[in-house]
PDB file of N, CA and C in Angstrom:
ATOM      1  N   MET A   1      76.959 109.885  46.850  1.00  0.00           N
ATOM      2  CA  MET A   1      75.794 110.305  46.552  1.00  0.00           C
ATOM      3  C   MET A   1      75.447 108.778  47.228  1.00  0.00           C
ATOM      4  N   GLN A   2      75.850 107.830  46.489  1.00  0.00           N
ATOM      5  CA  GLN A   2      75.549 106.634  46.371  1.00  0.00           C
ATOM      6  C   GLN A   2      75.412 106.189  47.565  1.00  0.00           C
ATOM      7  N   GLU A   3      76.773 106.059  47.979  1.00  0.00           N
ATOM      8  CA  GLU A   3      77.166 105.923  49.664  1.00  0.00           C
ATOM      9  C   GLU A   3      76.154 106.342  50.581  1.00  0.00           C
ATOM     10  N   LEU A   4      76.183 107.315  50.660  1.00  0.00           N
ATOM     11  CA  LEU A   4      75.118 107.808  51.547  1.00  0.00           C
ATOM     12  C   LEU A   4      73.633 107.418  51.573  1.00  0.00           C
ATOM     13  N   LYS A   5      73.231 107.042  50.384  1.00  0.00           N
ATOM     14  CA  LYS A   5      71.746 106.539  50.518  1.00  0.00           C
ATOM     15  C   LYS A   5      71.576 104.896  51.126  1.00  0.00           C
ATOM     16  N   GLU A   6      73.046 104.220  50.377  1.00  0.00           N
ATOM     17  CA  GLU A   6      73.296 103.243  50.923  1.00  0.00           C
ATOM     18  C   GLU A   6      73.337 102.992  52.671  1.00  0.00           C
ATOM     19  N   SER A   7      74.080 103.701  53.571  1.00  0.00           N
ATOM     20  CA  SER A   7      74.589 104.073  54.419  1.00  0.00           C
ATOM     21  C   SER A   7      72.843 104.462  55.215  1.00  0.00           C
ATOM     22  N   LYS A   8      72.566 105.224  54.787  1.00  0.00           N
ATOM     23  CA  LYS A   8      70.943 105.495  55.369  1.00  0.00           C
ATOM     24  C   LYS A   8      70.133 104.231  55.132  1.00  0.00           C
ATOM     25  N   GLN A   9      69.884 103.318  54.097  1.00  0.00           N
ATOM     26  CA  GLN A   9      69.294 102.609  54.111  1.00  0.00           C
ATOM     27  C   GLN A   9      69.537 101.179  54.970  1.00  0.00           C
ATOM     28  N   LYS A  10      71.153 101.012  55.344  1.00  0.00           N
ATOM     29  CA  LYS A  10      71.933 100.044  56.347  1.00  0.00           C
ATOM     30  C   LYS A  10      70.925 100.579  57.776  1.00  0.00           C
ATOM     31  N   ILE A  11      70.983 101.914  57.833  1.00  0.00           N
ATOM     32  CA  ILE A  11      70.773 102.299  59.488  1.00  0.00           C
ATOM     33  C   ILE A  11      69.337 102.223  59.522  1.00  0.00           C
ATOM     34  N   ASN A  12      68.572 101.888  57.863  1.00  0.00           N
ATOM     35  CA  ASN A  12      66.750 101.704  58.641  1.00  0.00           C
ATOM     36  C   ASN A  12      66.635 100.678  58.447  1.00  0.00           C
ATOM     37  N   ASN A  13      67.531  99.332  58.109  1.00  0.00           N
ATOM     38  CA  ASN A  13      67.375  98.248  58.512  1.00  0.00           C
ATOM     39  C   ASN A  13      67.689  97.800  59.796  1.00  0.00           C
ATOM     40  N   GLN A  14      68.558  98.551  60.347  1.00  0.00           N
ATOM     41  CA  GLN A  14      69.191  98.290  61.680  1.00  0.00           C
ATOM     42  C   GLN A  14      68.465  98.508  62.519  1.00  0.00           C
ATOM     43  N   LEU A  15      67.911  99.826  62.162  1.00  0.00           N
ATOM     44  CA  LEU A  15      66.598 100.186  63.049  1.00  0.00           C
ATOM     45  C   LEU A  15      65.309  99.380  63.056  1.00  0.00           C
ATOM     46  N   CYS A  16      64.536  99.106  61.915  1.00  0.00           N
ATOM     47  CA  CYS A  16      64.055  97.934  61.857  1.00  0.00           C
ATOM     48  C   CYS A  16      63.652  96.791  62.908  1.00  0.00           C
ATOM     49  N   LEU A  17      64.934  96.309  62.917  1.00  0.00           N
ATOM     50  CA  LEU A  17      65.388  95.264  63.599  1.00  0.00           C
ATOM     51  C   LEU A  17      65.301  95.092  65.356  1.00  0.00           C
ATOM     52  N   LEU A  18      66.118  96.360  65.354  1.00  0.00           N
ATOM     53  CA  LEU A  18      66.231  96.680  66.974  1.00  0.00           C
ATOM     54  C   LEU A  18      64.967  97.161  67.118  1.00  0.00           C
ATOM     55  N   ARG A  19      64.063  97.499  66.540  1.00  0.00           N
ATOM     56  CA  ARG A  19      62.491  97.604  67.055  1.00  0.00           C
ATOM     57  C   ARG A  19      61.719  96.330  67.073  1.00  0.00           C
ATOM     58  N   GLN A  20      61.870  95.254  66.104  1.00  0.00           N
ATOM     59  CA  GLN A  20      60.796  94.363  66.348  1.00  0.00           C
ATOM     60  C   GLN A  20      61.667  93.268  67.372  1.00  0.00           C
ATOM     61  N   LYS A  21      63.165  94.036  68.217  1.00  0.00           N
ATOM     62  CA  LYS A  21      63.434  93.246  69.174  1.00  0.00           C
ATOM     63  C   LYS A  21      63.081  93.828  70.457  1.00  0.00           C
ATOM     64  N   LEU A  22      62.583  95.259  70.243  1.00  0.00           N
ATOM     65  CA  LEU A  22      62.418  96.072  71.645  1.00  0.00           C
ATOM     66  C   LEU A  22      60.568  95.485  72.048  1.00  0.00           C
ATOM     67  N   LYS A  23      60.384  94.832  70.529  1.00  0.00           N
ATOM     68  CA  LYS A  23      58.890  94.376  70.984  1.00  0.00           C
ATOM     69  C   LYS A  23      58.888  93.409  71.750  1.00  0.00           C
ATOM     70  N   TYR A  24      59.720  92.420  71.042  1.00  0.00           N
ATOM     71  CA  TYR A  24      59.945  91.064  71.747  1.00  0.00           C
ATOM     72  C   TYR A  24      60.179  91.282  72.972  1.00  0.00           C
ATOM     73  N   ASN A  25      61.419  92.453  73.411  1.00  0.00           N
ATOM     74  CA  ASN A  25      61.636  92.190  74.821  1.00  0.00           C
ATOM     75  C   ASN A  25      60.204  92.589  75.961  1.00  0.00           C
ATOM     76  N   SER A  26      59.559  93.557  75.105  1.00  0.00           N
ATOM     77  CA  SER A  26      58.688  93.850  76.114  1.00  0.00           C
ATOM     78  C   SER A  26      57.479  92.636  76.409  1.00  0.00           C
ATOM     79  N   ARG A  27      57.167  91.967  75.356  1.00  0.00           N
ATOM     80  CA  ARG A  27      56.533  91.046  75.275  1.00  0.00           C
ATOM     81  C   ARG A  27      57.439  90.047  76.759  1.00  0.00           C
ATOM     82  N   VAL A  28      58.366  89.838  76.823  1.00  0.00           N
ATOM     83  CA  VAL A  28      58.439  89.027  77.458  1.00  0.00           C
ATOM     84  C   VAL A  28      59.303  88.973  78.864  1.00  0.00           C
ATOM     85  N   ASN A  29      59.066  90.704  79.017  1.00  0.00           N
ATOM     86  CA  ASN A  29      59.396  91.374  80.401  1.00  0.00           C
ATOM     87  C   ASN A  29      61.086  91.332  80.414  1.00  0.00           C
ATOM     88  N   LYS A  30      61.817  91.797  79.551  1.00  0.00           N
ATOM     89  CA  LYS A  30      62.999  91.898  79.382  1.00  0.00           C
ATOM     90  C   LYS A  30      63.208  93.508  79.443  1.00  0.00           C
ATOM     91  N   SER A  31      64.700  93.829  79.906  1.00  0.00           N
ATOM     92  CA  SER A  31      65.384  94.690  79.769  1.00  0.00           C
ATOM     93  C   SER A  31      65.351  95.652  78.411  1.00  0.00           C
ATOM     94  N   ASN A  32      65.198  96.861  78.093  1.00  0.00           N
ATOM     95  CA  ASN A  32      64.805  97.458  76.886  1.00  0.00           C
ATOM     96  C   ASN A  32      65.649  98.733  77.314  1.00  0.00           C
ATOM     97  N   ASP A  33      66.832  99.123  77.465  1.00  0.00           N
ATOM     98  CA  ASP A  33      67.498 100.328  78.105  1.00  0.00           C
ATOM     99  C   ASP A  33      68.533 100.340  76.811  1.00  0.00           C
ATOM    100  N   LEU A  34      69.567  99.410  76.551  1.00  0.00           N
ATOM    101  CA  LEU A  34      70.540  98.935  75.963  1.00  0.00           C
ATOM    102  C   LEU A  34      69.844  99.066  74.346  1.00  0.00           C
ATOM    103  N   ILE A  35      69.125  98.180  73.968  1.00  0.00           N
ATOM    104  CA  ILE A  35      67.984  98.551  72.628  1.00  0.00           C
ATOM    105  C   ILE A  35      67.641  99.953  72.370  1.00  0.00           C
ATOM    106  N   GLN A  36      67.379 100.570  73.153  1.00  0.00           N
ATOM    107  CA  GLN A  36      66.791 102.204  73.009  1.00  0.00           C
ATOM    108  C   GLN A  36      67.589 102.994  72.718  1.00  0.00           C
ATOM    109  N   GLN A  37      69.032 102.911  73.775  1.00  0.00           N
ATOM    110  CA  GLN A  37      70.109 103.258  73.268  1.00  0.00           C
ATOM    111  C   GLN A  37      70.660 103.123  72.053  1.00  0.00           C
ATOM    112  N   GLN A  38      70.797 101.762  71.627  1.00  0.00           N
ATOM    113  CA  GLN A  38      71.341 101.833  70.233  1.00  0.00           C
ATOM    114  C   GLN A  38      70.092 102.548  69.010  1.00  0.00           C
ATOM    115  N   ILE A  39      69.094 102.991  69.866  1.00  0.00           N
ATOM    116  CA  ILE A  39      67.872 102.953  68.473  1.00  0.00           C
ATOM    117  C   ILE A  39      68.304 103.999  68.296  1.00  0.00           C
ATOM    118  N   ASP A  40      68.355 104.956  69.478  1.00  0.00           N
ATOM    119  CA  ASP A  40      68.482 106.403  69.699  1.00  0.00           C
ATOM    120  C   ASP A  40      70.113 106.972  68.953  1.00  0.00           C
ATOM    121  N   GLN A  41      70.821 106.192  68.924  1.00  0.00           N
ATOM    122  CA  GLN A  41      72.338 106.101  68.363  1.00  0.00           C
ATOM    123  C   GLN A  41      72.355 106.193  66.585  1.00  0.00           C
ATOM    124  N   LEU A  42      70.915 105.284  66.382  1.00  0.00           N
ATOM    125  CA  LEU A  42      70.704 105.273  65.025  1.00  0.00           C
ATOM    126  C   LEU A  42      70.235 105.943  64.465  1.00  0.00           C
ATOM    127  N   ILE A  43      69.341 106.318  65.139  1.00  0.00           N
ATOM    128  CA  ILE A  43      68.502 107.426  64.522  1.00  0.00           C
ATOM    129  C   ILE A  43      68.889 109.196  64.621  1.00  0.00           C
ATOM    130  N   GLN A  44      70.252 109.397  65.661  1.00  0.00           N
ATOM    131  CA  GLN A  44      71.241 110.446  65.309  1.00  0.00           C
ATOM    132  C   GLN A  44      72.152 110.136  63.786  1.00  0.00           C
ATOM    133  N   SER A  45      72.496 108.967  64.028  1.00  0.00           N
ATOM    134  CA  SER A  45      72.913 108.604  62.764  1.00  0.00           C
ATOM    135  C   SER A  45      72.600 108.966  61.646  1.00  0.00           C
ATOM    136  N   ARG A  46      71.450 108.450  61.062  1.00  0.00           N
ATOM    137  CA  ARG A  46      70.246 108.909  60.074  1.00  0.00           C
ATOM    138  C   ARG A  46      70.291 110.345  60.278  1.00  0.00           C
ATOM    139  N   LYS A  47      69.953 111.111  61.038  1.00  0.00           N
ATOM    140  CA  LYS A  47      69.821 112.592  60.792  1.00  0.00           C
ATOM    141  C   LYS A  47      71.486 113.372  60.709  1.00  0.00           C
ATOM    142  N   GLN A  48      72.352 112.411  60.929  1.00  0.00           N
ATOM    143  CA  GLN A  48      73.628 113.503  60.473  1.00  0.00           C
ATOM    144  C   GLN A  48      73.914 113.057  59.082  1.00  0.00           C
ATOM    145  N   LEU A  49      73.719 111.693  58.471  1.00  0.00           N
ATOM    146  CA  LEU A  49      73.329 111.349  57.006  1.00  0.00           C
ATOM    147  C   LEU A  49      71.926 111.520  56.407  1.00  0.00           C
ATOM    148  N   GLN A  50      71.831 112.050  56.698  1.00  0.00           N
ATOM    149  CA  GLN A  50      70.849 113.410  55.871  1.00  0.00           C
ATOM    150  C   GLN A  50      71.254 114.796  56.113  1.00  0.00           C
ATOM    151  N   ILE A  51      71.931 115.140  56.610  1.00  0.00           N
ATOM    152  CA  ILE A  51      72.746 116.915  56.410  1.00  0.00           C
ATOM    153  C   ILE A  51      73.622 116.313  56.219  1.00  0.00           C
ATOM    154  N   ASP A  52      74.755 115.202  55.951  1.00  0.00           N
ATOM    155  CA  ASP A  52      75.837 115.094  54.825  1.00  0.00           C
ATOM    156  C   ASP A  52      74.891 115.321  53.524  1.00  0.00           C
ATOM    157  N   TYR A  53      73.895 114.146  53.504  1.00  0.00           N
ATOM    158  CA  TYR A  53      73.291 114.085  52.345  1.00  0.00           C
ATOM    159  C   TYR A  53      72.738 115.103  51.541  1.00  0.00           C
ATOM    160  N   ASP A  54      72.163 116.168  52.262  1.00  0.00           N
ATOM    161  CA  ASP A  54      71.563 117.694  51.703  1.00  0.00           C
ATOM    162  C   ASP A  54      72.801 118.731  51.768  1.00  0.00           C
ATOM    163  N   HIS A  55      73.960 118.660  52.257  1.00  0.00           N
ATOM    164  CA  HIS A  55      75.296 119.281  52.315  1.00  0.00           C
ATOM    165  C   HIS A  55      75.764 118.919  50.638  1.00  0.00           C
ATOM    166  N   THR A  56      75.668 117.821  50.446  1.00  0.00           N
ATOM    167  CA  THR A  56      76.138 117.052  49.034  1.00  0.00           C
ATOM    168  C   THR A  56      75.439 117.705  48.017  1.00  0.00           C
ATOM    169  N   ASN A  57      74.006 117.753  47.962  1.00  0.00           N
ATOM    170  CA  ASN A  57      73.077 117.794  47.295  1.00  0.00           C
ATOM    171  C   ASN A  57      73.233 119.538  46.623  1.00  0.00           C
ATOM    172  N   LEU A  58      73.659 120.096  47.816  1.00  0.00           N
ATOM    173  CA  LEU A  58      74.061 121.648  48.046  1.00  0.00           C
ATOM    174  C   LEU A  58      74.946 121.923  46.816  1.00  0.00           C
ATOM    175  N   ASN A  59      76.129 121.661  47.274  1.00  0.00           N
ATOM    176  CA  ASN A  59      77.440 121.550  46.736  1.00  0.00           C
ATOM    177  C   ASN A  59      77.351 121.082  45.349  1.00  0.00           C
ATOM    178  N   GLU A  60      76.256 120.203  44.840  1.00  0.00           N
ATOM    179  CA  GLU A  60      76.357 119.908  43.560  1.00  0.00           C
ATOM    180  C   GLU A  60      75.784 120.930  42.339  1.00  0.00           C
ATOM    181  N   ALA A  61      74.718 121.391  43.528  1.00  0.00           N
ATOM    182  CA  ALA A  61      73.857 122.418  42.697  1.00  0.00           C
ATOM    183  C   ALA A  61      74.553 123.625  42.910  1.00  0.00           C
ATOM    184  N   GLN A  62      75.112 124.135  43.463  1.00  0.00           N
ATOM    185  CA  GLN A  62      76.310 125.062  43.630  1.00  0.00           C
ATOM    186  C   GLN A  62      77.549 124.985  41.979  1.00  0.00           C
ATOM    187  N   LEU A  63      77.734 123.753  42.322  1.00  0.00           N
ATOM    188  CA  LEU A  63      78.795 123.495  41.217  1.00  0.00           C
ATOM    189  C   LEU A  63      78.363 123.254  39.604  1.00  0.00           C
ATOM    190  N   ALA A  64      77.117 122.829  39.573  1.00  0.00           N
ATOM    191  CA  ALA A  64      76.649 123.091  38.313  1.00  0.00           C
ATOM    192  C   ALA A  64      76.238 124.739  38.195  1.00  0.00           C
ATOM    193  N   HIS A  65      76.064 125.329  39.174  1.00  0.00           N
ATOM    194  CA  HIS A  65      75.750 126.644  38.907  1.00  0.00           C
ATOM    195  C   HIS A  65      77.179 127.527  38.421  1.00  0.00           C
ATOM    196  N   LYS A  66      77.758 127.267  39.352  1.00  0.00           N
ATOM    197  CA  LYS A  66      78.958 127.409  38.487  1.00  0.00           C
ATOM    198  C   LYS A  66      79.302 127.580  37.224  1.00  0.00           C
ATOM    199  N   GLU A  67      79.248 125.887  36.643  1.00  0.00           N
ATOM    200  CA  GLU A  67      79.506 125.649  35.542  1.00  0.00           C
ATOM    201  C   GLU A  67      78.810 126.445  34.410  1.00  0.00           C
ATOM    202  N   MET A  68      77.713 126.805  34.806  1.00  0.00           N
ATOM    203  CA  MET A  68      76.477 127.646  33.968  1.00  0.00           C
ATOM    204  C   MET A  68      77.266 128.725  33.950  1.00  0.00           C
ATOM    205  N   LEU A  69      77.789 129.965  35.111  1.00  0.00           N
ATOM    206  CA  LEU A  69      78.284 130.902  34.719  1.00  0.00           C
ATOM    207  C   LEU A  69      79.320 130.980  33.880  1.00  0.00           C
ATOM    208  N   HIS A  70      80.096 129.893  34.126  1.00  0.00           N
ATOM    209  CA  HIS A  70      81.521 129.974  33.593  1.00  0.00           C
ATOM    210  C   HIS A  70      81.342 130.215  32.052  1.00  0.00           C
ATOM    211  N   LYS A  71      80.359 129.040  31.337  1.00  0.00           N
ATOM    212  CA  LYS A  71      79.942 128.871  30.307  1.00  0.00           C
ATOM    213  C   LYS A  71      79.374 130.365  29.779  1.00  0.00           C
ATOM    214  N   LYS A  72      78.523 130.698  30.446  1.00  0.00           N
ATOM    215  CA  LYS A  72      77.929 132.477  30.105  1.00  0.00           C
ATOM    216  C   LYS A  72      79.222 133.055  29.855  1.00  0.00           C
ATOM    217  N   TYR A  73      80.011 133.010  30.888  1.00  0.00           N
ATOM    218  CA  TYR A  73      81.175 133.804  30.548  1.00  0.00           C
ATOM    219  C   TYR A  73      82.168 133.880  29.205  1.00  0.00           C
ATOM    220  N   LEU A  74      82.091 132.319  29.121  1.00  0.00           N
ATOM    221  CA  LEU A  74      82.970 132.207  28.118  1.00  0.00           C
ATOM    222  C   LEU A  74      82.506 132.643  26.709  1.00  0.00           C
ATOM    223  N   ASN A  75      81.170 132.249  26.523  1.00  0.00           N
ATOM    224  CA  ASN A  75      80.232 132.752  25.570  1.00  0.00           C
ATOM    225  C   ASN A  75      80.065 134.545  25.256  1.00  0.00           C
ATOM    226  N   TYR A  76      80.165 134.975  26.321  1.00  0.00           N
ATOM    227  CA  TYR A  76      80.349 136.437  26.280  1.00  0.00           C
ATOM    228  C   TYR A  76      81.902 136.964  25.587  1.00  0.00           C
ATOM    229  N   LYS A  77      82.273 136.532  26.164  1.00  0.00           N
ATOM    230  CA  LYS A  77      83.955 136.675  25.906  1.00  0.00           C
ATOM    231  C   LYS A  77      84.352 136.212  24.486  1.00  0.00           C
ATOM    232  N   GLN A  78      83.823 134.663  23.762  1.00  0.00           N
ATOM    233  CA  GLN A  78      83.905 135.258  22.884  1.00  0.00           C
ATOM    234  C   GLN A  78      82.554 136.069  22.421  1.00  0.00           C
ATOM    235  N   GLN A  79      81.639 136.088  22.080  1.00  0.00           N
ATOM    236  CA  GLN A  79      81.362 137.451  21.285  1.00  0.00           C
ATOM    237  C   GLN A  79      82.062 138.698  21.593  1.00  0.00           C
ATOM    238  N   ALA A  80      82.682 138.862  22.622  1.00  0.00           N
ATOM    239  CA  ALA A  80      83.434 140.276  23.095  1.00  0.00           C
ATOM    240  C   ALA A  80      84.126 140.228  21.873  1.00  0.00           C
ATOM    241  N   GLN A  81      85.229 139.294  21.453  1.00  0.00           N
ATOM    242  CA  GLN A  81      86.588 138.815  20.682  1.00  0.00           C
ATOM    243  C   GLN A  81      85.792 139.046  19.300  1.00  0.00           C
ATOM    244  N   LEU A  82      84.903 138.117  18.946  1.00  0.00           N
ATOM    245  CA  LEU A  82      84.198 138.701  17.859  1.00  0.00           C
ATOM    246  C   LEU A  82      83.740 139.949  17.343  1.00  0.00           C
ATOM    247  N   GLU A  83      83.401 140.429  18.375  1.00  0.00           N
ATOM    248  CA  GLU A  83      82.740 142.149  17.969  1.00  0.00           C
ATOM    249  C   GLU A  83      84.001 142.811  18.029  1.00  0.00           C
ATOM    250  N   GLY A  84      85.002 142.406  18.797  1.00  0.00           N
ATOM    251  CA  GLY A  84      86.098 143.210  18.699  1.00  0.00           C
ATOM    252  C   GLY A  84      87.146 142.801  16.915  1.00  0.00           C
ATOM    253  N   ARG A  85      86.790 141.764  16.926  1.00  0.00           N
ATOM    254  CA  ARG A  85      87.232 141.322  15.545  1.00  0.00           C
ATOM    255  C   ARG A  85      86.496 142.558  14.353  1.00  0.00           C
ATOM    256  N   ARG A  86      85.373 142.682  14.308  1.00  0.00           N
ATOM    257  CA  ARG A  86      84.312 143.158  13.482  1.00  0.00           C
ATOM    258  C   ARG A  86      85.104 144.645  13.441  1.00  0.00           C
ATOM    259  N   TYR A  87      85.520 144.808  14.937  1.00  0.00           N
ATOM    260  CA  TYR A  87      85.609 146.657  15.086  1.00  0.00           C
ATOM    261  C   TYR A  87      86.889 146.603  14.123  1.00  0.00           C
ATOM    262  N   TYR A  88      87.882 146.324  14.603  1.00  0.00           N
ATOM    263  CA  TYR A  88      89.454 145.660  13.546  1.00  0.00           C
ATOM    264  C   TYR A  88      89.259 145.810  12.865  1.00  0.00           C
ATOM    265  N   GLN A  89      88.330 144.872  11.985  1.00  0.00           N
ATOM    266  CA  GLN A  89      88.559 144.792  10.021  1.00  0.00           C
ATOM    267  C   GLN A  89      87.760 146.077   9.779  1.00  0.00           C
ATOM    268  N   LEU A  90      86.302 146.676  10.386  1.00  0.00           N
ATOM    269  CA  LEU A  90      86.089 147.827   9.901  1.00  0.00           C
ATOM    270  C   LEU A  90      86.804 148.918  10.007  1.00  0.00           C
ATOM    271  N   GLU A  91      87.633 148.855  11.056  1.00  0.00           N
ATOM    272  CA  GLU A  91      88.467 149.726  11.275  1.00  0.00           C
ATOM    273  C   GLU A  91      89.552 149.813   9.982  1.00  0.00           C
ATOM    274  N   GLN A  92      90.480 148.624   9.969  1.00  0.00           N
ATOM    275  CA  GLN A  92      91.157 148.934   8.389  1.00  0.00           C
ATOM    276  C   GLN A  92      90.429 148.862   7.298  1.00  0.00           C
ATOM    277  N   TYR A  93      89.242 148.570   7.375  1.00  0.00           N
ATOM    278  CA  TYR A  93      88.408 148.992   6.061  1.00  0.00           C
ATOM    279  C   TYR A  93      88.444 149.992   5.763  1.00  0.00           C
ATOM    280  N   TYR A  94      88.130 151.268   6.623  1.00  0.00           N
ATOM    281  CA  TYR A  94      87.991 152.524   6.594  1.00  0.00           C
ATOM    282  C   TYR A  94      89.856 153.413   6.623  1.00  0.00           C
ATOM    283  N   LYS A  95      90.602 152.532   6.891  1.00  0.00           N
ATOM    284  CA  LYS A  95      91.550 153.514   6.932  1.00  0.00           C
ATOM    285  C   LYS A  95      92.269 153.153   5.437  1.00  0.00           C
ATOM    286  N   ASN A  96      92.203 151.837   4.609  1.00  0.00           N
ATOM    287  CA  ASN A  96      92.472 151.686   3.642  1.00  0.00           C
ATOM    288  C   ASN A  96      91.325 152.442   2.603  1.00  0.00           C
ATOM    289  N   LYS A  97      89.991 152.214   3.287  1.00  0.00           N
ATOM    290  CA  LYS A  97      89.349 153.152   2.074  1.00  0.00           C
ATOM    291  C   LYS A  97      90.084 154.517   2.154  1.00  0.00           C
ATOM    292  N   ASP A  98      90.206 155.009   3.100  1.00  0.00           N
ATOM    293  CA  ASP A  98      90.824 156.495   2.944  1.00  0.00           C
ATOM    294  C   ASP A  98      92.378 157.026   2.202  1.00  0.00           C
ATOM    295  N   LYS A  99      92.876 155.684   2.445  1.00  0.00           N
ATOM    296  CA  LYS A  99      94.216 155.302   1.721  1.00  0.00           C
ATOM    297  C   LYS A  99      94.023 155.457  -0.131  1.00  0.00           C
ATOM    298  N   THR A 100      93.031 155.072  -0.264  1.00  0.00           N
ATOM    299  CA  THR A 100      92.712 154.314  -1.718  1.00  0.00           C
ATOM    300  C   THR A 100      92.236 155.866  -2.370  1.00  0.00           C
ATOM    301  N   SER A 101      91.243 156.401  -1.038  1.00  0.00           N
ATOM    302  CA  SER A 101      90.831 157.753  -1.869  1.00  0.00           C
ATOM    303  C   SER A 101      91.579 158.634  -1.930  1.00  0.00           C
ATOM    304  N   ILE A 102      92.834 158.726  -1.226  1.00  0.00           N
ATOM    305  CA  ILE A 102      93.951 159.668  -1.047  1.00  0.00           C
ATOM    306  C   ILE A 102      94.505 159.597  -2.672  1.00  0.00           C
ATOM    307  N   ILE A 103      94.889 158.364  -2.952  1.00  0.00           N
ATOM    308  CA  ILE A 103      95.381 158.372  -4.307  1.00  0.00           C
ATOM    309  C   ILE A 103      94.453 158.086  -5.522  1.00  0.00           C
ATOM    310  N   GLU A 104      93.474 158.070  -5.429  1.00  0.00           N
ATOM    311  CA  GLU A 104      92.693 158.429  -6.346  1.00  0.00           C
ATOM    312  C   GLU A 104      92.376 160.122  -7.033  1.00  0.00           C
TER     313      GLU A 104
END
């Protein structure tokens, strides 16, 4: 994530320098085709970085959601185990109670 931000900042800095160079060259009547191509390439790189950044955020959100669902699952499983134990204890209690009532 940090690498994507750094790459995007680096591209923005390069774009800034190339645009300044473009302005300078237009003042002195030099050819700007090469600089314009470099600017276009950098803009495409920046767009791709933004797509990568968005996918990374999406993946992190999906992972967080999966973790939350897993925690809920574990909580429900634990509750079910507790209920199962309670049911078993009640069942044992009534079985034992029936045995003691027969003895009495």
